[in-house]
PDB file of N, CA and C in Angstrom:
ATOM      1  N   UNK A   1       5.368   3.354  14.064  1.00  0.00           N
ATOM      2  CA  UNK A   1       5.826   2.055  13.631  1.00  0.00           C
ATOM      3  C   UNK A   1       6.553   2.199  12.308  1.00  0.00           C
ATOM      4  N   UNK A   2       7.793   1.930  12.328  1.00  0.00           N
ATOM      5  CA  UNK A   2       8.553   1.966  11.085  1.00  0.00           C
ATOM      6  C   UNK A   2       8.047   0.898  10.149  1.00  0.00           C
ATOM      7  N   UNK A   3       7.915   1.223   8.899  1.00  0.00           N
ATOM      8  CA  UNK A   3       7.485   0.247   7.911  1.00  0.00           C
ATOM      9  C   UNK A   3       5.977   0.153   7.755  1.00  0.00           C
ATOM     10  N   UNK A   4       5.237   0.778   8.630  1.00  0.00           N
ATOM     11  CA  UNK A   4       3.782   0.714   8.514  1.00  0.00           C
ATOM     12  C   UNK A   4       3.317   1.654   7.413  1.00  0.00           C
ATOM     13  N   UNK A   5       2.308   1.240   6.711  1.00  0.00           N
ATOM     14  CA  UNK A   5       1.752   2.096   5.677  1.00  0.00           C
ATOM     15  C   UNK A   5       0.919   3.189   6.335  1.00  0.00           C
ATOM     16  N   UNK A   6       0.654   4.280   5.640  1.00  0.00           N
ATOM     17  CA  UNK A   6      -0.180   5.324   6.239  1.00  0.00           C
ATOM     18  C   UNK A   6      -1.542   4.812   6.691  1.00  0.00           C
ATOM     19  N   UNK A   7      -2.067   3.816   6.009  1.00  0.00           N
ATOM     20  CA  UNK A   7      -3.363   3.265   6.393  1.00  0.00           C
ATOM     21  C   UNK A   7      -3.227   2.300   7.568  1.00  0.00           C
ATOM     22  N   UNK A   8      -1.991   2.054   8.010  1.00  0.00           N
ATOM     23  CA  UNK A   8      -1.794   1.176   9.147  1.00  0.00           C
ATOM     24  C   UNK A   8      -1.929  -0.288   8.812  1.00  0.00           C
ATOM     25  N   UNK A   9      -1.581  -0.679   7.607  1.00  0.00           N
ATOM     26  CA  UNK A   9      -1.751  -2.072   7.200  1.00  0.00           C
ATOM     27  C   UNK A   9      -0.439  -2.838   7.140  1.00  0.00           C
ATOM     28  N   UNK A  10       0.641  -2.225   7.596  1.00  0.00           N
ATOM     29  CA  UNK A  10       1.938  -2.875   7.518  1.00  0.00           C
ATOM     30  C   UNK A  10       2.313  -3.583   8.795  1.00  0.00           C
ATOM     31  N   UNK A  11       3.489  -4.128   8.773  1.00  0.00           N
ATOM     32  CA  UNK A  11       4.059  -4.769   9.945  1.00  0.00           C
ATOM     33  C   UNK A  11       5.100  -3.836  10.529  1.00  0.00           C
ATOM     34  N   UNK A  12       5.728  -4.219  11.623  1.00  0.00           N
ATOM     35  CA  UNK A  12       6.640  -3.332  12.343  1.00  0.00           C
ATOM     36  C   UNK A  12       7.886  -2.979  11.544  1.00  0.00           C
ATOM     37  N   UNK A  13       8.390  -3.896  10.720  1.00  0.00           N
ATOM     38  CA  UNK A  13       9.630  -3.650   9.986  1.00  0.00           C
ATOM     39  C   UNK A  13       9.597  -4.381   8.655  1.00  0.00           C
ATOM     40  N   UNK A  14      10.241  -3.829   7.684  1.00  0.00           N
ATOM     41  CA  UNK A  14      10.463  -4.479   6.382  1.00  0.00           C
ATOM     42  C   UNK A  14       9.198  -4.767   5.574  1.00  0.00           C
ATOM     43  N   UNK A  15       8.047  -4.315   6.022  1.00  0.00           N
ATOM     44  CA  UNK A  15       6.826  -4.560   5.265  1.00  0.00           C
ATOM     45  C   UNK A  15       6.335  -5.998   5.307  1.00  0.00           C
ATOM     46  N   UNK A  16       6.966  -6.834   6.131  1.00  0.00           N
ATOM     47  CA  UNK A  16       6.509  -8.221   6.271  1.00  0.00           C
ATOM     48  C   UNK A  16       6.617  -8.615   7.742  1.00  0.00           C
ATOM     49  N   UNK A  17       5.923  -9.673   8.101  1.00  0.00           N
ATOM     50  CA  UNK A  17       5.932 -10.160   9.479  1.00  0.00           C
ATOM     51  C   UNK A  17       7.330 -10.644   9.838  1.00  0.00           C
ATOM     52  N   UNK A  18       7.897 -10.090  10.915  1.00  0.00           N
ATOM     53  CA  UNK A  18       9.257 -10.448  11.332  1.00  0.00           C
ATOM     54  C   UNK A  18       9.275 -10.710  12.838  1.00  0.00           C
ATOM     55  N   UNK A  19      10.461 -10.950  13.344  1.00  0.00           N
ATOM     56  CA  UNK A  19      10.616 -11.154  14.786  1.00  0.00           C
ATOM     57  C   UNK A  19      10.212  -9.904  15.572  1.00  0.00           C
ATOM     58  N   UNK A  20      10.286  -8.740  14.964  1.00  0.00           N
ATOM     59  CA  UNK A  20       9.835  -7.511  15.635  1.00  0.00           C
ATOM     60  C   UNK A  20       8.350  -7.604  15.969  1.00  0.00           C
ATOM     61  N   UNK A  21       7.577  -8.152  15.051  1.00  0.00           N
ATOM     62  CA  UNK A  21       6.140  -8.328  15.297  1.00  0.00           C
ATOM     63  C   UNK A  21       5.905  -9.399  16.360  1.00  0.00           C
ATOM     64  N   UNK A  22       6.706 -10.465  16.306  1.00  0.00           N
ATOM     65  CA  UNK A  22       6.600 -11.519  17.318  1.00  0.00           C
ATOM     66  C   UNK A  22       6.890 -10.964  18.708  1.00  0.00           C
ATOM     67  N   UNK A  23       7.829 -10.043  18.790  1.00  0.00           N
ATOM     68  CA  UNK A  23       8.169  -9.433  20.073  1.00  0.00           C
ATOM     69  C   UNK A  23       7.093  -8.448  20.535  1.00  0.00           C
ATOM     70  N   UNK A  24       6.449  -7.784  19.605  1.00  0.00           N
ATOM     71  CA  UNK A  24       5.421  -6.804  19.952  1.00  0.00           C
ATOM     72  C   UNK A  24       4.120  -7.463  20.407  1.00  0.00           C
ATOM     73  N   UNK A  25       3.839  -8.652  19.912  1.00  0.00           N
ATOM     74  CA  UNK A  25       2.561  -9.305  20.186  1.00  0.00           C
ATOM     75  C   UNK A  25       2.264  -9.459  21.679  1.00  0.00           C
ATOM     76  N   UNK A  26       3.165 -10.024  22.485  1.00  0.00           N
ATOM     77  CA  UNK A  26       2.832 -10.170  23.914  1.00  0.00           C
ATOM     78  C   UNK A  26       2.627  -8.833  24.625  1.00  0.00           C
ATOM     79  N   UNK A  27       3.462  -7.854  24.305  1.00  0.00           N
ATOM     80  CA  UNK A  27       3.332  -6.546  24.958  1.00  0.00           C
ATOM     81  C   UNK A  27       1.991  -5.901  24.632  1.00  0.00           C
ATOM     82  N   UNK A  28       1.586  -5.970  23.379  1.00  0.00           N
ATOM     83  CA  UNK A  28       0.303  -5.374  23.000  1.00  0.00           C
ATOM     84  C   UNK A  28      -0.875  -6.202  23.512  1.00  0.00           C
ATOM     85  N   UNK A  29      -0.704  -7.510  23.540  1.00  0.00           N
ATOM     86  CA  UNK A  29      -1.775  -8.377  24.032  1.00  0.00           C
ATOM     87  C   UNK A  29      -2.056  -8.087  25.501  1.00  0.00           C
ATOM     88  N   UNK A  30      -1.048  -8.227  26.349  1.00  0.00           N
ATOM     89  CA  UNK A  30      -1.243  -8.026  27.779  1.00  0.00           C
ATOM     90  C   UNK A  30      -1.368  -6.552  28.148  1.00  0.00           C
ATOM     91  N   UNK A  31      -0.638  -5.701  27.466  1.00  0.00           N
ATOM     92  CA  UNK A  31      -0.731  -4.276  27.749  1.00  0.00           C
ATOM     93  C   UNK A  31      -2.132  -3.732  27.553  1.00  0.00           C
ATOM     94  N   UNK A  32      -2.816  -4.233  26.548  1.00  0.00           N
ATOM     95  CA  UNK A  32      -4.184  -3.792  26.280  1.00  0.00           C
ATOM     96  C   UNK A  32      -5.146  -4.282  27.370  1.00  0.00           C
ATOM     97  N   UNK A  33      -4.801  -5.331  28.048  1.00  0.00           N
ATOM     98  CA  UNK A  33      -5.620  -5.781  29.185  1.00  0.00           C
ATOM     99  C   UNK A  33      -5.516  -4.788  30.334  1.00  0.00           C
ATOM    100  N   UNK A  34      -4.323  -4.264  30.553  1.00  0.00           N
ATOM    101  CA  UNK A  34      -4.073  -3.360  31.673  1.00  0.00           C
ATOM    102  C   UNK A  34      -4.551  -1.947  31.371  1.00  0.00           C
ATOM    103  N   UNK A  35      -4.231  -1.484  30.182  1.00  0.00           N
ATOM    104  CA  UNK A  35      -4.574  -0.125  29.766  1.00  0.00           C
ATOM    105  C   UNK A  35      -5.049  -0.203  28.312  1.00  0.00           C
ATOM    106  N   UNK A  36      -6.352  -0.348  28.104  1.00  0.00           N
ATOM    107  CA  UNK A  36      -6.865  -0.507  26.734  1.00  0.00           C
ATOM    108  C   UNK A  36      -6.370   0.595  25.796  1.00  0.00           C
ATOM    109  N   UNK A  37      -6.091   0.199  24.582  1.00  0.00           N
ATOM    110  CA  UNK A  37      -5.625   1.144  23.567  1.00  0.00           C
ATOM    111  C   UNK A  37      -6.730   2.167  23.320  1.00  0.00           C
ATOM    112  N   UNK A  38      -6.393   3.417  23.475  1.00  0.00           N
ATOM    113  CA  UNK A  38      -7.366   4.497  23.326  1.00  0.00           C
ATOM    114  C   UNK A  38      -7.848   4.602  21.878  1.00  0.00           C
ATOM    115  N   UNK A  39      -9.064   5.072  21.729  1.00  0.00           N
ATOM    116  CA  UNK A  39      -9.652   5.241  20.393  1.00  0.00           C
ATOM    117  C   UNK A  39      -8.837   6.182  19.519  1.00  0.00           C
ATOM    118  N   UNK A  40      -8.052   7.037  20.140  1.00  0.00           N
ATOM    119  CA  UNK A  40      -7.256   7.981  19.349  1.00  0.00           C
ATOM    120  C   UNK A  40      -6.040   7.318  18.706  1.00  0.00           C
ATOM    121  N   UNK A  41      -5.842   6.010  18.941  1.00  0.00           N
ATOM    122  CA  UNK A  41      -4.739   5.261  18.338  1.00  0.00           C
ATOM    123  C   UNK A  41      -5.269   4.126  17.460  1.00  0.00           C
ATOM    124  N   UNK A  42      -6.029   4.449  16.441  1.00  0.00           N
ATOM    125  CA  UNK A  42      -6.639   3.390  15.622  1.00  0.00           C
ATOM    126  C   UNK A  42      -5.619   2.545  14.867  1.00  0.00           C
ATOM    127  N   UNK A  43      -4.485   3.124  14.501  1.00  0.00           N
ATOM    128  CA  UNK A  43      -3.473   2.344  13.776  1.00  0.00           C
ATOM    129  C   UNK A  43      -2.863   1.298  14.700  1.00  0.00           C
ATOM    130  N   UNK A  44      -2.608   1.671  15.947  1.00  0.00           N
ATOM    131  CA  UNK A  44      -2.072   0.717  16.909  1.00  0.00           C
ATOM    132  C   UNK A  44      -3.091  -0.385  17.206  1.00  0.00           C
ATOM    133  N   UNK A  45      -4.353  -0.013  17.368  1.00  0.00           N
ATOM    134  CA  UNK A  45      -5.405  -1.007  17.612  1.00  0.00           C
ATOM    135  C   UNK A  45      -5.533  -1.962  16.422  1.00  0.00           C
ATOM    136  N   UNK A  46      -5.426  -1.426  15.220  1.00  0.00           N
ATOM    137  CA  UNK A  46      -5.506  -2.271  14.019  1.00  0.00           C
ATOM    138  C   UNK A  46      -4.303  -3.198  13.932  1.00  0.00           C
ATOM    139  N   UNK A  47      -3.130  -2.695  14.310  1.00  0.00           N
ATOM    140  CA  UNK A  47      -1.920  -3.529  14.314  1.00  0.00           C
ATOM    141  C   UNK A  47      -2.087  -4.678  15.298  1.00  0.00           C
ATOM    142  N   UNK A  48      -2.595  -4.388  16.495  1.00  0.00           N
ATOM    143  CA  UNK A  48      -2.835  -5.434  17.484  1.00  0.00           C
ATOM    144  C   UNK A  48      -3.823  -6.468  16.941  1.00  0.00           C
ATOM    145  N   UNK A  49      -4.871  -6.006  16.300  1.00  0.00           N
ATOM    146  CA  UNK A  49      -5.859  -6.927  15.724  1.00  0.00           C
ATOM    147  C   UNK A  49      -5.228  -7.806  14.640  1.00  0.00           C
ATOM    148  N   UNK A  50      -4.360  -7.202  13.805  1.00  0.00           N
ATOM    149  CA  UNK A  50      -3.669  -8.003  12.775  1.00  0.00           C
ATOM    150  C   UNK A  50      -2.779  -9.053  13.414  1.00  0.00           C
ATOM    151  N   UNK A  51      -2.079  -8.657  14.468  1.00  0.00           N
ATOM    152  CA  UNK A  51      -1.230  -9.621  15.165  1.00  0.00           C
ATOM    153  C   UNK A  51      -2.060 -10.787  15.694  1.00  0.00           C
ATOM    154  N   UNK A  52      -3.183 -10.474  16.334  1.00  0.00           N
ATOM    155  CA  UNK A  52      -4.015 -11.523  16.915  1.00  0.00           C
ATOM    156  C   UNK A  52      -4.681 -12.398  15.862  1.00  0.00           C
ATOM    157  N   UNK A  53      -4.824 -11.894  14.656  1.00  0.00           N
ATOM    158  CA  UNK A  53      -5.430 -12.704  13.594  1.00  0.00           C
ATOM    159  C   UNK A  53      -4.402 -13.554  12.860  1.00  0.00           C
ATOM    160  N   UNK A  54      -3.143 -13.299  13.118  1.00  0.00           N
ATOM    161  CA  UNK A  54      -2.072 -14.089  12.510  1.00  0.00           C
ATOM    162  C   UNK A  54      -2.152 -15.515  13.082  1.00  0.00           C
ATOM    163  N   UNK A  55      -2.169 -16.552  12.251  1.00  0.00           N
ATOM    164  CA  UNK A  55      -2.344 -17.919  12.762  1.00  0.00           C
ATOM    165  C   UNK A  55      -1.362 -18.319  13.865  1.00  0.00           C
ATOM    166  N   UNK A  56      -0.116 -17.951  13.727  1.00  0.00           N
ATOM    167  CA  UNK A  56       0.870 -18.336  14.749  1.00  0.00           C
ATOM    168  C   UNK A  56       0.584 -17.652  16.084  1.00  0.00           C
ATOM    169  N   UNK A  57       0.184 -16.400  16.053  1.00  0.00           N
ATOM    170  CA  UNK A  57      -0.122 -15.666  17.286  1.00  0.00           C
ATOM    171  C   UNK A  57      -1.432 -16.173  17.875  1.00  0.00           C
ATOM    172  N   UNK A  58      -2.428 -16.386  17.030  1.00  0.00           N
ATOM    173  CA  UNK A  58      -3.729 -16.894  17.495  1.00  0.00           C
ATOM    174  C   UNK A  58      -3.562 -18.248  18.180  1.00  0.00           C
ATOM    175  N   UNK A  59      -2.689 -19.074  17.662  1.00  0.00           N
ATOM    176  CA  UNK A  59      -2.463 -20.388  18.262  1.00  0.00           C
ATOM    177  C   UNK A  59      -1.880 -20.240  19.665  1.00  0.00           C
ATOM    178  N   UNK A  60      -0.912 -19.356  19.830  1.00  0.00           N
ATOM    179  CA  UNK A  60      -0.317 -19.138  21.152  1.00  0.00           C
ATOM    180  C   UNK A  60      -1.377 -18.634  22.129  1.00  0.00           C
ATOM    181  N   UNK A  61      -2.196 -17.692  21.693  1.00  0.00           N
ATOM    182  CA  UNK A  61      -3.252 -17.157  22.550  1.00  0.00           C
ATOM    183  C   UNK A  61      -4.213 -18.270  22.957  1.00  0.00           C
ATOM    184  N   UNK A  62      -4.635 -19.073  21.999  1.00  0.00           N
ATOM    185  CA  UNK A  62      -5.566 -20.167  22.306  1.00  0.00           C
ATOM    186  C   UNK A  62      -4.963 -21.196  23.255  1.00  0.00           C
ATOM    187  N   UNK A  63      -3.705 -21.545  23.032  1.00  0.00           N
ATOM    188  CA  UNK A  63      -3.072 -22.554  23.873  1.00  0.00           C
ATOM    189  C   UNK A  63      -2.784 -22.040  25.287  1.00  0.00           C
ATOM    190  N   UNK A  64      -2.737 -20.736  25.456  1.00  0.00           N
ATOM    191  CA  UNK A  64      -2.468 -20.163  26.774  1.00  0.00           C
ATOM    192  C   UNK A  64      -3.739 -19.904  27.586  1.00  0.00           C
ATOM    193  N   UNK A  65      -4.910 -20.068  26.974  1.00  0.00           N
ATOM    194  CA  UNK A  65      -6.165 -19.781  27.686  1.00  0.00           C
ATOM    195  C   UNK A  65      -6.282 -20.473  29.048  1.00  0.00           C
ATOM    196  N   UNK A  66      -5.881 -21.742  29.195  1.00  0.00           N
ATOM    197  CA  UNK A  66      -6.027 -22.396  30.499  1.00  0.00           C
ATOM    198  C   UNK A  66      -5.203 -21.743  31.611  1.00  0.00           C
ATOM    199  N   UNK A  67      -4.247 -20.909  31.256  1.00  0.00           N
ATOM    200  CA  UNK A  67      -3.349 -20.313  32.238  1.00  0.00           C
ATOM    201  C   UNK A  67      -3.677 -18.852  32.556  1.00  0.00           C
ATOM    202  N   UNK A  68      -4.773 -18.362  32.022  1.00  0.00           N
ATOM    203  CA  UNK A  68      -5.116 -16.957  32.242  1.00  0.00           C
ATOM    204  C   UNK A  68      -5.350 -16.620  33.703  1.00  0.00           C
ATOM    205  N   UNK A  69      -5.766 -17.578  34.482  1.00  0.00           N
ATOM    206  CA  UNK A  69      -6.014 -17.291  35.905  1.00  0.00           C
ATOM    207  C   UNK A  69      -4.731 -16.912  36.636  1.00  0.00           C
ATOM    208  N   UNK A  70      -3.588 -17.217  36.055  1.00  0.00           N
ATOM    209  CA  UNK A  70      -2.315 -16.862  36.668  1.00  0.00           C
ATOM    210  C   UNK A  70      -1.908 -15.416  36.387  1.00  0.00           C
ATOM    211  N   UNK A  71      -2.625 -14.738  35.501  1.00  0.00           N
ATOM    212  CA  UNK A  71      -2.302 -13.344  35.213  1.00  0.00           C
ATOM    213  C   UNK A  71      -2.585 -12.538  36.476  1.00  0.00           C
ATOM    214  N   UNK A  72      -1.588 -11.839  37.017  1.00  0.00           N
ATOM    215  CA  UNK A  72      -1.730 -11.218  38.329  1.00  0.00           C
ATOM    216  C   UNK A  72      -2.900 -10.243  38.486  1.00  0.00           C
ATOM    217  N   UNK A  73      -3.244  -9.551  37.452  1.00  0.00           N
ATOM    218  CA  UNK A  73      -4.300  -8.532  37.569  1.00  0.00           C
ATOM    219  C   UNK A  73      -5.657  -9.046  37.122  1.00  0.00           C
ATOM    220  N   UNK A  74      -5.748 -10.319  36.777  1.00  0.00           N
ATOM    221  CA  UNK A  74      -7.000 -10.874  36.286  1.00  0.00           C
ATOM    222  C   UNK A  74      -7.124 -10.659  34.801  1.00  0.00           C
ATOM    223  N   UNK A  75      -7.598 -11.663  34.118  1.00  0.00           N
ATOM    224  CA  UNK A  75      -7.748 -11.596  32.669  1.00  0.00           C
ATOM    225  C   UNK A  75      -9.155 -11.117  32.320  1.00  0.00           C
ATOM    226  N   UNK A  76      -9.247 -10.216  31.368  1.00  0.00           N
ATOM    227  CA  UNK A  76     -10.587  -9.781  30.934  1.00  0.00           C
ATOM    228  C   UNK A  76     -11.280 -10.902  30.165  1.00  0.00           C
ATOM    229  N   UNK A  77     -12.560 -10.805  30.033  1.00  0.00           N
ATOM    230  CA  UNK A  77     -13.342 -11.815  29.323  1.00  0.00           C
ATOM    231  C   UNK A  77     -13.408 -11.445  27.841  1.00  0.00           C
ATOM    232  N   UNK A  78     -12.256 -11.417  27.196  1.00  0.00           N
ATOM    233  CA  UNK A  78     -12.160 -11.112  25.770  1.00  0.00           C
ATOM    234  C   UNK A  78     -10.826 -11.631  25.245  1.00  0.00           C
ATOM    235  N   UNK A  79     -10.585 -11.436  23.986  1.00  0.00           N
ATOM    236  CA  UNK A  79      -9.370 -11.908  23.309  1.00  0.00           C
ATOM    237  C   UNK A  79      -9.346 -13.404  23.348  1.00  0.00           C
TER     238      UNK A  79
END
Protein backbone atom coordinates (compact mmCIF):
# COMPACT_ATOMS: atom_id res chain seq x y z
CA UNK A 1 0.00 0.00 0.00
CA UNK A 2 1.56 3.21 -1.09
CA UNK A 3 1.51 5.82 1.62
CA UNK A 4 1.09 3.34 4.45
CA UNK A 5 3.39 3.71 7.39
CA UNK A 6 5.62 0.77 8.32
CA UNK A 7 3.33 0.12 11.28
CA UNK A 8 0.39 -0.07 8.88
CA UNK A 9 -1.43 2.96 10.25
CA UNK A 10 -1.75 4.93 7.03
CA UNK A 11 -4.28 5.16 4.28
CA UNK A 12 -3.87 3.98 0.69
CA UNK A 13 -2.56 7.30 -0.69
CA UNK A 14 -1.38 10.71 0.47
CA UNK A 15 -1.40 9.77 4.16
CA UNK A 16 -5.09 10.70 4.45
CA UNK A 17 -8.42 9.07 3.66
CA UNK A 18 -9.11 9.50 -0.07
CA UNK A 19 -11.23 8.03 -2.83
CA UNK A 20 -8.64 5.24 -3.08
CA UNK A 21 -9.69 4.08 0.38
CA UNK A 22 -13.36 4.43 -0.56
CA UNK A 23 -12.71 2.19 -3.55
CA UNK A 24 -10.78 -0.37 -1.49
CA UNK A 25 -13.44 -0.70 1.21
CA UNK A 26 -15.99 -2.82 -0.72
CA UNK A 27 -13.32 -5.12 -2.18
CA UNK A 28 -11.78 -5.77 1.22
CA UNK A 29 -15.15 -6.04 2.93
CA UNK A 30 -16.63 -8.65 0.59
CA UNK A 31 -13.33 -10.23 -0.36
CA UNK A 32 -12.67 -11.10 3.26
CA UNK A 33 -16.01 -12.91 3.36
CA UNK A 34 -14.95 -15.14 0.47
CA UNK A 35 -11.30 -15.61 1.38
CA UNK A 36 -10.45 -14.36 4.89
CA UNK A 37 -7.29 -12.29 5.13
CA UNK A 38 -4.54 -14.63 6.28
CA UNK A 39 -2.77 -14.00 9.57
CA UNK A 40 0.43 -13.43 7.64
CA UNK A 41 -1.05 -10.13 6.35
CA UNK A 42 -1.58 -8.18 9.57
CA UNK A 43 -1.12 -4.79 7.90
CA UNK A 44 -3.87 -5.56 5.39
CA UNK A 45 -6.17 -6.84 8.16
CA UNK A 46 -5.49 -3.68 10.18
CA UNK A 47 -6.21 -1.52 7.12
CA UNK A 48 -9.54 -3.31 6.63
CA UNK A 49 -10.38 -2.78 10.30
CA UNK A 50 -9.54 0.94 10.01
CA UNK A 51 -11.77 1.21 6.97
CA UNK A 52 -14.65 -0.47 8.78
CA UNK A 53 -14.22 1.81 11.79
CA UNK A 54 -14.41 4.92 9.62
CA UNK A 55 -17.85 6.49 10.27
CA UNK A 56 -18.74 6.84 6.59
CA UNK A 57 -17.84 3.21 5.83
CA UNK A 58 -19.51 1.91 9.01
CA UNK A 59 -22.71 3.70 8.03
CA UNK A 60 -22.76 2.05 4.60
CA UNK A 61 -22.16 -1.37 6.16
CA UNK A 62 -24.95 -0.83 8.70
CA UNK A 63 -27.42 0.44 6.12
CA UNK A 64 -26.72 -2.54 3.85
CA UNK A 65 -27.36 -5.19 6.53
CA UNK A 66 -30.97 -5.85 5.41
CA UNK A 67 -29.67 -6.82 1.96
CA UNK A 68 -27.04 -9.35 3.01
CA UNK A 69 -29.26 -12.25 2.04
CA UNK A 70 -28.75 -11.21 -1.58
CA UNK A 71 -25.01 -11.89 -1.38
CA UNK A 72 -24.65 -14.90 -3.69
CA UNK A 73 -22.33 -16.94 -1.49
CA UNK A 74 -24.08 -16.18 1.79
CA UNK A 75 -23.02 -13.59 4.31
CA UNK A 76 -21.00 -14.62 7.34
CA UNK A 77 -22.34 -13.81 10.79
CA UNK A 78 -19.81 -11.02 11.41
CA UNK A 79 -18.89 -7.49 10.32
